[in-house]
C-alpha atoms as a PDB file:
ATOM      1  CA  MET A   1      -0.087   0.102   0.011  1.00  0.00           C
ATOM      2  CA  SER A   2       1.272   3.313  -1.041  1.00  0.00           C
ATOM      3  CA  LEU A   3       1.220   6.277   1.424  1.00  0.00           C
ATOM      4  CA  ILE A   4       1.503   9.660  -0.261  1.00  0.00           C
ATOM      5  CA  ILE A   5       1.546  12.888   1.847  1.00  0.00           C
ATOM      6  CA  GLU A   6       1.849  16.590   1.168  1.00  0.00           C
ATOM      7  CA  ILE A   7       3.928  18.979   3.055  1.00  0.00           C
ATOM      8  CA  PRO A   8       4.092  22.766   3.020  1.00  0.00           C
ATOM      9  CA  ALA A   9       6.448  24.562   0.557  1.00  0.00           C
ATOM     10  CA  HIS A  10       7.668  26.802   3.485  1.00  0.00           C
ATOM     11  CA  LEU A  11      10.081  25.781   6.201  1.00  0.00           C
ATOM     12  CA  SER A  12      10.435  27.740   9.569  1.00  0.00           C
ATOM     13  CA  HIS A  13      13.217  27.232  12.224  1.00  0.00           C
ATOM     14  CA  SER A  14      10.878  25.050  14.533  1.00  0.00           C
ATOM     15  CA  GLN A  15      10.159  22.617  11.298  1.00  0.00           C
ATOM     16  CA  SER A  16      14.083  22.446  10.643  1.00  0.00           C
ATOM     17  CA  SER A  17      14.814  21.572  14.077  1.00  0.00           C
ATOM     18  CA  ASN A  18      12.349  18.546  13.893  1.00  0.00           C
ATOM     19  CA  LEU A  19      13.914  17.598  10.469  1.00  0.00           C
ATOM     20  CA  THR A  20      17.383  18.001  11.081  1.00  0.00           C
ATOM     21  CA  GLY A  21      17.324  15.553  14.235  1.00  0.00           C
ATOM     22  CA  GLU A  22      17.214  18.228  17.064  1.00  0.00           C
ATOM     23  CA  TYR A  23      13.911  17.154  17.898  1.00  0.00           C
ATOM     24  CA  CYS A  24      11.654  14.577  16.765  1.00  0.00           C
ATOM     25  CA  SER A  25      10.711  14.328  12.978  1.00  0.00           C
ATOM     26  CA  ALA A  26       7.785  11.956  13.806  1.00  0.00           C
ATOM     27  CA  GLN A  27       6.210  15.113  15.535  1.00  0.00           C
ATOM     28  CA  TYR A  28       6.638  16.737  11.855  1.00  0.00           C
ATOM     29  CA  PHE A  29       5.251  13.907  10.215  1.00  0.00           C
ATOM     30  CA  PHE A  30       1.986  13.358  12.486  1.00  0.00           C
ATOM     31  CA  GLU A  31       1.031  17.125  12.715  1.00  0.00           C
ATOM     32  CA  ARG A  32       2.377  18.402   9.100  1.00  0.00           C
ATOM     33  CA  GLY A  33       1.899  15.033   6.976  1.00  0.00           C
ATOM     34  CA  LEU A  34      -1.108  13.810   8.710  1.00  0.00           C
ATOM     35  CA  GLY A  35      -2.762  16.808  10.148  1.00  0.00           C
ATOM     36  CA  LYS A  36      -3.187  15.474  13.521  1.00  0.00           C
ATOM     37  CA  PRO A  37      -4.339  18.110  16.180  1.00  0.00           C
ATOM     38  CA  SER A  38      -1.873  18.374  18.984  1.00  0.00           C
ATOM     39  CA  ILE A  39      -2.898  18.705  22.580  1.00  0.00           C
ATOM     40  CA  PRO A  40      -2.225  22.316  23.686  1.00  0.00           C
ATOM     41  CA  GLY A  41       0.098  23.138  26.271  1.00  0.00           C
ATOM     42  CA  TRP A  42       0.107  25.504  28.813  1.00  0.00           C
ATOM     43  CA  ALA A  43       3.847  26.200  28.596  1.00  0.00           C
ATOM     44  CA  ALA A  44       3.087  27.310  24.859  1.00  0.00           C
ATOM     45  CA  ILE A  45       0.009  29.119  25.740  1.00  0.00           C
ATOM     46  CA  GLY A  46       1.534  31.174  28.544  1.00  0.00           C
ATOM     47  CA  GLY A  47       4.850  31.663  26.352  1.00  0.00           C
ATOM     48  CA  SER A  48       2.413  33.158  23.605  1.00  0.00           C
ATOM     49  CA  ALA A  49       0.749  35.423  26.231  1.00  0.00           C
ATOM     50  CA  LEU A  50       4.144  36.744  27.660  1.00  0.00           C
ATOM     51  CA  HIS A  51       4.899  37.402  23.721  1.00  0.00           C
ATOM     52  CA  SER A  52       1.916  39.015  23.186  1.00  0.00           C
ATOM     53  CA  ALA A  53       1.904  41.112  26.357  1.00  0.00           C
ATOM     54  CA  SER A  54       5.819  42.196  25.877  1.00  0.00           C
ATOM     55  CA  GLU A  55       5.024  43.262  22.464  1.00  0.00           C
ATOM     56  CA  ASP A  56       2.256  45.312  23.636  1.00  0.00           C
ATOM     57  CA  TRP A  57       4.728  47.079  26.209  1.00  0.00           C
ATOM     58  CA  ASP A  58       7.058  47.935  23.581  1.00  0.00           C
ATOM     59  CA  ARG A  59       4.936  49.304  20.998  1.00  0.00           C
ATOM     60  CA  LEU A  60       3.248  51.379  23.614  1.00  0.00           C
ATOM     61  CA  ILE A  61       6.728  53.132  24.500  1.00  0.00           C
ATOM     62  CA  VAL A  62       8.010  53.226  20.922  1.00  0.00           C
ATOM     63  CA  GLU A  63       4.569  54.662  19.521  1.00  0.00           C
ATOM     64  CA  SER A  64       3.579  57.039  22.331  1.00  0.00           C
ATOM     65  CA  GLY A  65       6.353  57.011  24.957  1.00  0.00           C
ATOM     66  CA  GLU A  66       4.330  55.676  27.798  1.00  0.00           C
ATOM     67  CA  CYS A  67       6.108  53.532  29.796  1.00  0.00           C
ATOM     68  CA  LEU A  68       3.981  51.170  32.156  1.00  0.00           C
ATOM     69  CA  THR A  69       5.845  49.943  35.255  1.00  0.00           C
ATOM     70  CA  SER A  70       3.301  49.425  37.796  1.00  0.00           C
ATOM     71  CA  GLU A  71       2.921  46.069  39.164  1.00  0.00           C
ATOM     72  CA  SER A  72      -1.037  46.274  38.868  1.00  0.00           C
ATOM     73  CA  GLU A  73      -0.646  47.405  35.097  1.00  0.00           C
ATOM     74  CA  LEU A  74       1.899  44.694  34.033  1.00  0.00           C
ATOM     75  CA  GLN A  75      -0.389  42.270  35.934  1.00  0.00           C
ATOM     76  CA  GLY A  76      -3.503  43.437  33.681  1.00  0.00           C
ATOM     77  CA  MET A  77      -1.567  43.316  30.275  1.00  0.00           C
ATOM     78  CA  PHE A  78      -0.107  40.165  30.891  1.00  0.00           C
ATOM     79  CA  ASN A  79      -3.777  38.385  31.908  1.00  0.00           C
ATOM     80  CA  THR A  80      -5.550  40.408  29.438  1.00  0.00           C
ATOM     81  CA  ALA A  81      -2.883  38.476  26.524  1.00  0.00           C
ATOM     82  CA  LEU A  82      -3.167  35.177  28.487  1.00  0.00           C
ATOM     83  CA  ASP A  83      -7.334  35.368  28.161  1.00  0.00           C
ATOM     84  CA  ILE A  84      -6.847  36.230  24.628  1.00  0.00           C
ATOM     85  CA  GLU A  85      -4.587  33.041  24.080  1.00  0.00           C
ATOM     86  CA  VAL A  86      -7.014  30.870  25.932  1.00  0.00           C
ATOM     87  CA  ARG A  87     -10.048  31.937  24.081  1.00  0.00           C
ATOM     88  CA  LYS A  88      -8.064  31.320  20.762  1.00  0.00           C
ATOM     89  CA  THR A  89      -6.826  27.839  22.045  1.00  0.00           C
ATOM     90  CA  GLU A  90     -10.466  26.683  23.117  1.00  0.00           C
ATOM     91  CA  ASP A  91     -11.655  28.022  19.593  1.00  0.00           C
ATOM     92  CA  ASN A  92      -9.355  26.002  17.325  1.00  0.00           C
ATOM     93  CA  SER A  93      -8.495  22.912  19.495  1.00  0.00           C
ATOM     94  CA  PRO A  94     -10.793  19.859  19.647  1.00  0.00           C
ATOM     95  CA  TYR A  95      -9.293  18.896  23.276  1.00  0.00           C
ATOM     96  CA  PRO A  96     -11.314  20.339  25.949  1.00  0.00           C
ATOM     97  CA  LYS A  97      -9.555  22.787  28.684  1.00  0.00           C
ATOM     98  CA  SER A  98      -9.203  20.066  31.223  1.00  0.00           C
ATOM     99  CA  GLU A  99      -6.830  18.286  29.084  1.00  0.00           C
ATOM    100  CA  TRP A 100      -4.335  20.819  28.460  1.00  0.00           C
ATOM    101  CA  GLN A 101      -0.802  19.584  29.457  1.00  0.00           C
ATOM    102  CA  ARG A 102       0.749  20.935  32.222  1.00  0.00           C
ATOM    103  CA  SER A 103       4.713  21.144  32.282  1.00  0.00           C
ATOM    104  CA  GLY A 104       6.897  21.617  35.187  1.00  0.00           C
ATOM    105  CA  ARG A 105       6.867  19.813  38.661  1.00  0.00           C
ATOM    106  CA  GLN A 106       4.153  19.515  41.442  1.00  0.00           C
ATOM    107  CA  SER A 107       5.068  21.350  44.806  1.00  0.00           C
ATOM    108  CA  ALA A 108       3.253  22.845  47.566  1.00  0.00           C
ATOM    109  CA  ALA A 109       3.651  26.444  46.791  1.00  0.00           C
ATOM    110  CA  VAL A 110       3.715  28.290  43.541  1.00  0.00           C
ATOM    111  CA  GLY A 111       7.536  28.738  42.446  1.00  0.00           C
ATOM    112  CA  PRO A 112       9.853  29.098  39.090  1.00  0.00           C
ATOM    113  CA  ASN A 113       9.422  24.997  38.831  1.00  0.00           C
ATOM    114  CA  GLY A 114       5.748  24.620  39.697  1.00  0.00           C
ATOM    115  CA  GLY A 115       3.099  24.677  42.030  1.00  0.00           C
ATOM    116  CA  PRO A 116       0.363  22.500  43.480  1.00  0.00           C
ATOM    117  CA  ASP A 117      -1.229  21.573  39.870  1.00  0.00           C
ATOM    118  CA  LYS A 118       2.316  22.171  38.209  1.00  0.00           C
ATOM    119  CA  LYS A 119       2.502  24.921  35.459  1.00  0.00           C
ATOM    120  CA  ASN A 120      -1.072  25.380  34.817  1.00  0.00           C
ATOM    121  CA  GLU A 121      -3.315  28.526  34.171  1.00  0.00           C
ATOM    122  CA  ASP A 122      -3.063  29.644  37.890  1.00  0.00           C
ATOM    123  CA  TRP A 123       0.746  29.180  37.714  1.00  0.00           C
ATOM    124  CA  TRP A 124       1.032  31.379  34.740  1.00  0.00           C
ATOM    125  CA  ARG A 125      -1.462  34.282  35.676  1.00  0.00           C
ATOM    126  CA  GLN A 126       0.870  34.442  39.173  1.00  0.00           C
ATOM    127  CA  VAL A 127       4.272  34.132  37.506  1.00  0.00           C
ATOM    128  CA  GLY A 128       3.453  35.481  34.149  1.00  0.00           C
ATOM    129  CA  PRO A 129       3.344  38.956  35.177  1.00  0.00           C
ATOM    130  CA  LEU A 130       6.581  38.599  36.858  1.00  0.00           C
ATOM    131  CA  MET A 131       8.207  37.394  33.863  1.00  0.00           C
ATOM    132  CA  LEU A 132       6.912  40.471  32.130  1.00  0.00           C
ATOM    133  CA  ALA A 133       8.058  43.033  34.833  1.00  0.00           C
ATOM    134  CA  SER A 134      11.640  41.376  34.270  1.00  0.00           C
ATOM    135  CA  TRP A 135      11.342  41.787  30.628  1.00  0.00           C
ATOM    136  CA  VAL A 136      10.476  45.780  31.323  1.00  0.00           C
ATOM    137  CA  ASN A 137      13.511  45.760  33.655  1.00  0.00           C
ATOM    138  CA  TRP A 138      15.817  44.286  31.136  1.00  0.00           C
ATOM    139  CA  ARG A 139      14.391  46.495  28.520  1.00  0.00           C
ATOM    140  CA  LEU A 140      15.141  49.783  30.823  1.00  0.00           C
ATOM    141  CA  THR A 141      18.634  48.753  31.653  1.00  0.00           C
ATOM    142  CA  SER A 142      20.038  46.828  28.751  1.00  0.00           C
ATOM    143  CA  GLY A 143      21.255  50.036  26.781  1.00  0.00           C
ATOM    144  CA  TRP A 144      19.751  48.812  23.536  1.00  0.00           C
ATOM    145  CA  GLU A 145      16.708  50.406  21.958  1.00  0.00           C
ATOM    146  CA  ILE A 146      14.102  49.087  19.351  1.00  0.00           C
ATOM    147  CA  ALA A 147      15.518  49.119  15.825  1.00  0.00           C
ATOM    148  CA  PHE A 148      13.558  50.769  13.142  1.00  0.00           C
ATOM    149  CA  ILE A 149      13.081  48.526   9.810  1.00  0.00           C
ATOM    150  CA  PRO A 150      12.961  49.899   6.593  1.00  0.00           C
ATOM    151  CA  THR A 151       9.895  48.780   4.410  1.00  0.00           C
ATOM    152  CA  ASP A 152       7.132  50.092   2.116  1.00  0.00           C
ATOM    153  CA  GLU A 153       4.247  48.355   3.745  1.00  0.00           C
ATOM    154  CA  VAL A 154       0.835  49.336   4.099  1.00  0.00           C
ATOM    155  CA  ARG A 155      -0.214  49.505   7.729  1.00  0.00           C
ATOM    156  CA  GLU A 156      -3.887  50.080   9.146  1.00  0.00           C
ATOM    157  CA  LEU A 157      -4.645  52.438  11.694  1.00  0.00           C
ATOM    158  CA  LYS A 158      -7.412  51.602  14.553  1.00  0.00           C
ATOM    159  CA  ASP A 159      -9.931  53.799  12.678  1.00  0.00           C
ATOM    160  CA  GLY A 160      -9.423  51.783   9.366  1.00  0.00           C
ATOM    161  CA  THR A 161      -7.423  54.168   7.588  1.00  0.00           C
ATOM    162  CA  THR A 162      -4.264  52.969   5.920  1.00  0.00           C
ATOM    163  CA  TYR A 163      -0.735  54.568   4.915  1.00  0.00           C
ATOM    164  CA  ARG A 164       2.578  53.223   3.488  1.00  0.00           C
ATOM    165  CA  ALA A 165       5.004  52.921   6.186  1.00  0.00           C
ATOM    166  CA  SER A 166       8.913  53.974   5.322  1.00  0.00           C
ATOM    167  CA  ALA A 167       9.915  51.956   8.360  1.00  0.00           C
ATOM    168  CA  VAL A 168       8.437  49.781  11.500  1.00  0.00           C
ATOM    169  CA  PRO A 169       9.830  49.117  14.750  1.00  0.00           C
ATOM    170  CA  GLY A 170      11.712  45.958  15.318  1.00  0.00           C
ATOM    171  CA  ILE A 171       8.905  44.265  17.118  1.00  0.00           C
ATOM    172  CA  GLU A 172       7.855  40.576  15.890  1.00  0.00           C
ATOM    173  CA  VAL A 173       9.430  41.426  12.370  1.00  0.00           C
ATOM    174  CA  SER A 174       8.089  38.981   9.927  1.00  0.00           C
ATOM    175  CA  PHE A 175      10.262  37.635   6.898  1.00  0.00           C
ATOM    176  CA  ASP A 176       9.719  35.485   3.977  1.00  0.00           C
ATOM    177  CA  VAL A 177      12.645  34.635   1.884  1.00  0.00           C
ATOM    178  CA  THR A 178      13.955  31.945  -0.409  1.00  0.00           C
ATOM    179  CA  THR A 179      17.727  30.172  -0.389  1.00  0.00           C
ATOM    180  CA  PRO A 180      19.274  29.848  -3.720  1.00  0.00           C
ATOM    181  CA  ASP A 181      18.168  26.210  -3.861  1.00  0.00           C
ATOM    182  CA  GLY A 182      14.477  27.614  -3.760  1.00  0.00           C
ATOM    183  CA  ILE A 183      13.602  26.681  -0.340  1.00  0.00           C
ATOM    184  CA  PRO A 184      10.979  29.173   0.972  1.00  0.00           C
ATOM    185  CA  ILE A 185      11.808  30.072   4.907  1.00  0.00           C
ATOM    186  CA  ARG A 186       9.542  31.989   7.030  1.00  0.00           C
ATOM    187  CA  GLY A 187       9.504  33.407  10.352  1.00  0.00           C
ATOM    188  CA  TYR A 188       9.276  36.256  12.983  1.00  0.00           C
ATOM    189  CA  ILE A 189      12.033  37.851  15.048  1.00  0.00           C
ATOM    190  CA  ASP A 190      10.935  38.686  18.378  1.00  0.00           C
ATOM    191  CA  ARG A 191      12.903  41.971  18.832  1.00  0.00           C
ATOM    192  CA  VAL A 192      15.520  43.793  16.637  1.00  0.00           C
ATOM    193  CA  PHE A 193      17.546  45.910  18.403  1.00  0.00           C
ATOM    194  CA  GLU A 194      20.259  48.800  17.731  1.00  0.00           C
ATOM    195  CA  ARG A 195      23.068  50.663  19.408  1.00  0.00           C
ATOM    196  CA  ASN A 196      25.805  52.808  17.846  1.00  0.00           C
ATOM    197  CA  GLY A 197      25.213  51.173  14.477  1.00  0.00           C
ATOM    198  CA  GLU A 198      25.251  47.885  15.716  1.00  0.00           C
ATOM    199  CA  TYR A 199      22.011  45.246  15.364  1.00  0.00           C
ATOM    200  CA  LEU A 200      20.854  42.670  17.770  1.00  0.00           C
ATOM    201  CA  VAL A 201      18.330  40.034  17.220  1.00  0.00           C
ATOM    202  CA  VAL A 202      16.612  38.762  20.476  1.00  0.00           C
ATOM    203  CA  ASP A 203      14.285  35.873  20.988  1.00  0.00           C
ATOM    204  CA  LEU A 204      12.187  35.671  24.110  1.00  0.00           C
ATOM    205  CA  LYS A 205      11.899  32.229  25.901  1.00  0.00           C
ATOM    206  CA  SER A 206       9.598  31.561  28.581  1.00  0.00           C
ATOM    207  CA  GLY A 207      11.353  28.664  29.324  1.00  0.00           C
ATOM    208  CA  ARG A 208      14.571  26.863  29.278  1.00  0.00           C
ATOM    209  CA  GLU A 209      17.829  28.232  27.423  1.00  0.00           C
ATOM    210  CA  PRO A 210      17.776  26.308  23.916  1.00  0.00           C
ATOM    211  CA  ASP A 211      20.555  24.045  23.121  1.00  0.00           C
ATOM    212  CA  SER A 212      21.681  25.761  19.826  1.00  0.00           C
ATOM    213  CA  THR A 213      21.622  29.285  18.493  1.00  0.00           C
ATOM    214  CA  ALA A 214      20.479  27.896  15.208  1.00  0.00           C
ATOM    215  CA  GLN A 215      17.053  30.056  15.486  1.00  0.00           C
ATOM    216  CA  LEU A 216      19.271  33.332  15.870  1.00  0.00           C
ATOM    217  CA  GLY A 217      21.119  32.391  13.079  1.00  0.00           C
ATOM    218  CA  THR A 218      18.018  31.882  10.542  1.00  0.00           C
ATOM    219  CA  TYR A 219      17.120  35.362  12.130  1.00  0.00           C
ATOM    220  CA  ARG A 220      19.732  36.914  11.123  1.00  0.00           C
ATOM    221  CA  TYR A 221      19.405  35.503   7.619  1.00  0.00           C
ATOM    222  CA  GLY A 222      15.823  36.389   6.949  1.00  0.00           C
ATOM    223  CA  LEU A 223      17.096  40.020   8.052  1.00  0.00           C
ATOM    224  CA  ALA A 224      19.702  40.320   5.974  1.00  0.00           C
ATOM    225  CA  GLN A 225      17.752  38.698   3.171  1.00  0.00           C
ATOM    226  CA  GLN A 226      14.468  40.908   3.096  1.00  0.00           C
ATOM    227  CA  TYR A 227      15.451  44.006   4.678  1.00  0.00           C
ATOM    228  CA  GLY A 228      19.207  44.445   4.126  1.00  0.00           C
ATOM    229  CA  ILE A 229      20.254  44.714   7.654  1.00  0.00           C
ATOM    230  CA  ASP A 230      22.694  42.156   8.702  1.00  0.00           C
ATOM    231  CA  PRO A 231      22.758  41.854  12.615  1.00  0.00           C
ATOM    232  CA  GLN A 232      26.098  40.940  14.229  1.00  0.00           C
ATOM    233  CA  TRP A 233      24.826  39.645  17.469  1.00  0.00           C
ATOM    234  CA  GLY A 234      22.076  37.852  18.835  1.00  0.00           C
ATOM    235  CA  CYS A 235      20.877  36.384  22.203  1.00  0.00           C
ATOM    236  CA  TYR A 236      18.129  34.752  23.955  1.00  0.00           C
ATOM    237  CA  TRP A 237      16.021  36.416  26.680  1.00  0.00           C
ATOM    238  CA  LEU A 238      14.871  33.990  29.618  1.00  0.00           C
ATOM    239  CA  GLY A 239      11.773  34.662  31.371  1.00  0.00           C
ATOM    240  CA  GLY A 240      12.856  32.479  34.140  1.00  0.00           C
ATOM    241  CA  THR A 241      16.033  34.432  34.899  1.00  0.00           C
ATOM    242  CA  GLY A 242      15.011  37.794  33.462  1.00  0.00           C
ATOM    243  CA  LEU A 243      18.503  37.964  31.999  1.00  0.00           C
ATOM    244  CA  SER A 244      19.476  37.630  28.401  1.00  0.00           C
ATOM    245  CA  THR A 245      22.219  34.979  27.221  1.00  0.00           C
ATOM    246  CA  SER A 246      25.844  36.007  26.086  1.00  0.00           C
ATOM    247  CA  LEU A 247      25.924  37.691  22.849  1.00  0.00           C
ATOM    248  CA  THR A 248      26.613  35.464  19.803  1.00  0.00           C
ATOM    249  CA  ASP A 249      28.324  36.565  17.094  1.00  0.00           C
ATOM    250  CA  LEU A 250      25.794  35.513  14.116  1.00  0.00           C
ATOM    251  CA  ARG A 251      28.021  36.552  11.280  1.00  0.00           C
ATOM    252  CA  ALA A 252      30.791  34.210  12.420  1.00  0.00           C
ATOM    253  CA  LYS A 253      28.869  31.433  13.856  1.00  0.00           C
ATOM    254  CA  TRP A 254      25.737  31.613  11.363  1.00  0.00           C
ATOM    255  CA  PRO A 255      27.011  32.745   7.766  1.00  0.00           C
ATOM    256  CA  ASP A 256      24.576  32.249   4.912  1.00  0.00           C
ATOM    257  CA  VAL A 257      25.960  28.994   3.755  1.00  0.00           C
ATOM    258  CA  ARG A 258      25.513  27.226   6.844  1.00  0.00           C
ATOM    259  CA  VAL A 259      21.790  28.443   7.084  1.00  0.00           C
ATOM    260  CA  GLU A 260      21.072  27.515   3.627  1.00  0.00           C
ATOM    261  CA  LYS A 261      22.862  24.009   4.308  1.00  0.00           C
ATOM    262  CA  ARG A 262      20.518  23.588   7.051  1.00  0.00           C
ATOM    263  CA  TYR A 263      17.796  24.071   5.278  1.00  0.00           C
ATOM    264  CA  ALA A 264      18.711  22.072   2.396  1.00  0.00           C
ATOM    265  CA  THR A 265      19.604  19.205   4.882  1.00  0.00           C
ATOM    266  CA  ALA A 266      15.868  19.486   6.019  1.00  0.00           C
ATOM    267  CA  ARG A 267      14.143  19.558   2.594  1.00  0.00           C
ATOM    268  CA  ARG A 268      16.186  16.243   1.540  1.00  0.00           C
ATOM    269  CA  ARG A 269      14.963  14.640   4.597  1.00  0.00           C
ATOM    270  CA  GLN A 270      11.418  16.004   4.095  1.00  0.00           C
ATOM    271  CA  LEU A 271      11.599  14.583   0.424  1.00  0.00           C
ATOM    272  CA  ALA A 272      13.420  11.335   1.402  1.00  0.00           C
ATOM    273  CA  GLY A 273      10.620  10.396   4.025  1.00  0.00           C
ATOM    274  CA  GLU A 274      12.815  10.486   6.950  1.00  0.00           C
ATOM    275  CA  PHE A 275      10.480  11.096   9.722  1.00  0.00           C
ATOM    276  CA  ASP A 276      11.715   8.631  12.305  1.00  0.00           C
ATOM    277  CA  PRO A 277      11.165   8.742  15.975  1.00  0.00           C
ATOM    278  CA  LYS A 278      13.673  10.228  18.322  1.00  0.00           C
ATOM    279  CA  PRO A 279      12.508   8.874  21.713  1.00  0.00           C
ATOM    280  CA  SER A 280      13.506  11.090  24.806  1.00  0.00           C
ATOM    281  CA  ASN A 281      12.422  12.107  27.959  1.00  0.00           C
ATOM    282  CA  LEU A 282      10.427  14.740  26.014  1.00  0.00           C
ATOM    283  CA  CYS A 283       8.012  12.204  24.433  1.00  0.00           C
ATOM    284  CA  GLY A 284       5.361  12.026  27.483  1.00  0.00           C
ATOM    285  CA  SER A 285       4.885  15.706  26.930  1.00  0.00           C
ATOM    286  CA  CYS A 286       4.432  15.677  23.119  1.00  0.00           C
ATOM    287  CA  GLY A 287       1.050  16.796  21.811  1.00  0.00           C
ATOM    288  CA  VAL A 288       0.748  14.382  19.183  1.00  0.00           C
ATOM    289  CA  ARG A 289       2.029  11.314  21.125  1.00  0.00           C
ATOM    290  CA  ALA A 290      -1.597   9.285  21.038  1.00  0.00           C
ATOM    291  CA  TRP A 291      -0.729   8.727  17.184  1.00  0.00           C
ATOM    292  CA  CYS A 292       2.831   7.204  17.858  1.00  0.00           C
ATOM    293  CA  GLN A 293       3.601   3.588  17.683  1.00  0.00           C
ATOM    294  CA  GLU A 294       7.082   4.369  18.995  1.00  0.00           C
ATOM    295  CA  TYR A 295       5.336   5.796  22.043  1.00  0.00           C
ATOM    296  CA  GLY A 296       2.639   3.149  22.647  1.00  0.00           C
ATOM    297  CA  GLY A 297       0.176   5.679  21.618  1.00  0.00           C
ATOM    298  CA  GLU A 298      -3.751   4.308  22.029  1.00  0.00           C
ATOM    299  CA  LYS A 299      -4.470   5.755  18.823  1.00  0.00           C
ATOM    300  CA  ALA A 300      -1.581   4.820  16.842  1.00  0.00           C
ATOM    301  CA  HIS A 301      -3.330   1.732  15.243  1.00  0.00           C
ATOM    302  CA  GLU A 302      -5.662   4.213  13.261  1.00  0.00           C
ATOM    303  CA  VAL A 303      -3.078   5.898  11.425  1.00  0.00           C
ATOM    304  CA  PRO A 304      -0.139   5.191   9.345  1.00  0.00           C
ATOM    305  CA  GLN A 305       3.257   5.470  10.833  1.00  0.00           C
ATOM    306  CA  PRO A 306       6.534   7.371   9.490  1.00  0.00           C
ATOM    307  CA  TRP A 307       8.015   4.447   7.979  1.00  0.00           C
ATOM    308  CA  ASP A 308       4.473   3.909   5.770  1.00  0.00           C
ATOM    309  CA  VAL A 309       5.296   6.872   3.573  1.00  0.00           C
ATOM    310  CA  THR A 310       6.219   6.147   0.177  1.00  0.00           C
ATOM    311  CA  GLU A 311       6.083   9.234  -1.639  1.00  0.00           C
ATOM    312  CA  VAL A 312       6.307  13.118  -0.369  1.00  0.00           C
ATOM    313  CA  ARG A 313       5.069  16.055  -2.364  1.00  0.00           C
ATOM    314  CA  ILE A 314       5.190  19.710  -1.628  1.00  0.00           C
ATOM    315  CA  LYS A 315       1.964  21.510  -1.687  1.00  0.00           C
ATOM    316  CA  GLY A 316       1.696  23.752  -4.713  1.00  0.00           C
ATOM    317  CA  ALA A 317       4.631  22.852  -6.398  1.00  0.00           C
ATOM    318  CA  VAL A 318       4.843  21.669 -10.254  1.00  0.00           C
ATOM    319  CA  SER A 319       7.645  19.410  -9.619  1.00  0.00           C
ATOM    320  CA  ALA A 320       9.331  18.385  -6.133  1.00  0.00           C
ATOM    321  CA  ASP A 321      12.499  17.729  -7.945  1.00  0.00           C
ATOM    322  CA  SER A 322      12.833  21.529  -8.302  1.00  0.00           C
ATOM    323  CA  TYR A 323      13.235  21.803  -4.477  1.00  0.00           C
ATOM    324  CA  THR A 324      16.498  19.696  -3.817  1.00  0.00           C
ATOM    325  CA  GLY A 325      15.869  16.310  -4.549  1.00  0.00           C
ATOM    326  CA  SER A 326      13.348  13.903  -5.427  1.00  0.00           C
ATOM    327  CA  SER A 327       9.744  13.296  -3.647  1.00  0.00           C
ATOM    328  CA  THR A 328       9.683   9.472  -4.374  1.00  0.00           C
ATOM    329  CA  VAL A 329      10.957   7.461  -1.169  1.00  0.00           C
ATOM    330  CA  ASN A 330      12.496   4.176  -1.468  1.00  0.00           C
ATOM    331  CA  ASN A 331      11.885   2.722   1.793  1.00  0.00           C
ATOM    332  CA  THR A 332      14.372  -0.338   1.509  1.00  0.00           C
ATOM    333  CA  GLU A 333      17.469   2.055   0.217  1.00  0.00           C
ATOM    334  CA  LYS A 334      16.712   5.407   1.625  1.00  0.00           C
ATOM    335  CA  GLY A 335      19.822   5.610   3.673  1.00  0.00           C
ATOM    336  CA  ASP A 336      21.060   8.825   5.186  1.00  0.00           C
ATOM    337  CA  SER A 337      20.149  11.865   2.869  1.00  0.00           C
ATOM    338  CA  GLU A 338      22.962  14.174   4.325  1.00  0.00           C
END
């Protein structure tokens, strides 16, 4: 029996991380290949609320000069953002709120690592505003200022009127670029800062520090290709500590050729159907574990598994061969695509 799956044409950093083996390729297969819904997690919901609230804070100070610092103001700003994320998740997920995943540890009192019901909604409503306050403190003391990105995009005001902007603040900067191999890469850069002619890209993390700076390298590539700004520096800001990581020299560590090779490798593995599971201690919190035979998921018998793929097609592509490789999978001679 043949199994043909279609995948999106574009890649993002998170997708490339799954496909290059940093995380689990099977998760990509179930979500992107089969379209199975992922169980929502409070870590992602709370993290999205922190991103949204911090964006609101930064836009407010950039656009009007208003600087909110009081505990009540920041708590209201975060909880409003969390309310929105909860409603969006309820509207878009088939899983009831009672089944959403809680990360962290169970402890008698709320602390950095968890609470009585781990890191649930109550935990986020208590700790999230503290993370936002830590971001505000970092912003006011770091010495970096929001950069303005040259563009000609059309923007809309609250009253519905539109105008063509010559520059936009470096807050949630989108990019959509294509590598020389024809691979489209999309992403959003949390912040772009400037100081004395130097640029810094920052990604906010409400959880632990990533093991790799590849995400920052992708951001450098997207910013340079689309906007002509080549930031030398990148770092992560960690909500758990309120501090940023050491600056990474992105030009030295993530030159264009390295970023392009990473995405070429991800594309080759997509087209070769290399979606093998990567068992780890993260499996228990995977949102699509119910479908995974490797994990022993209760619904695994209902769906094909990664090793059943015989052909991979790219949505909207006339010929998948135009994307660095063939779309036909030979499951008996597949080997390593690198």
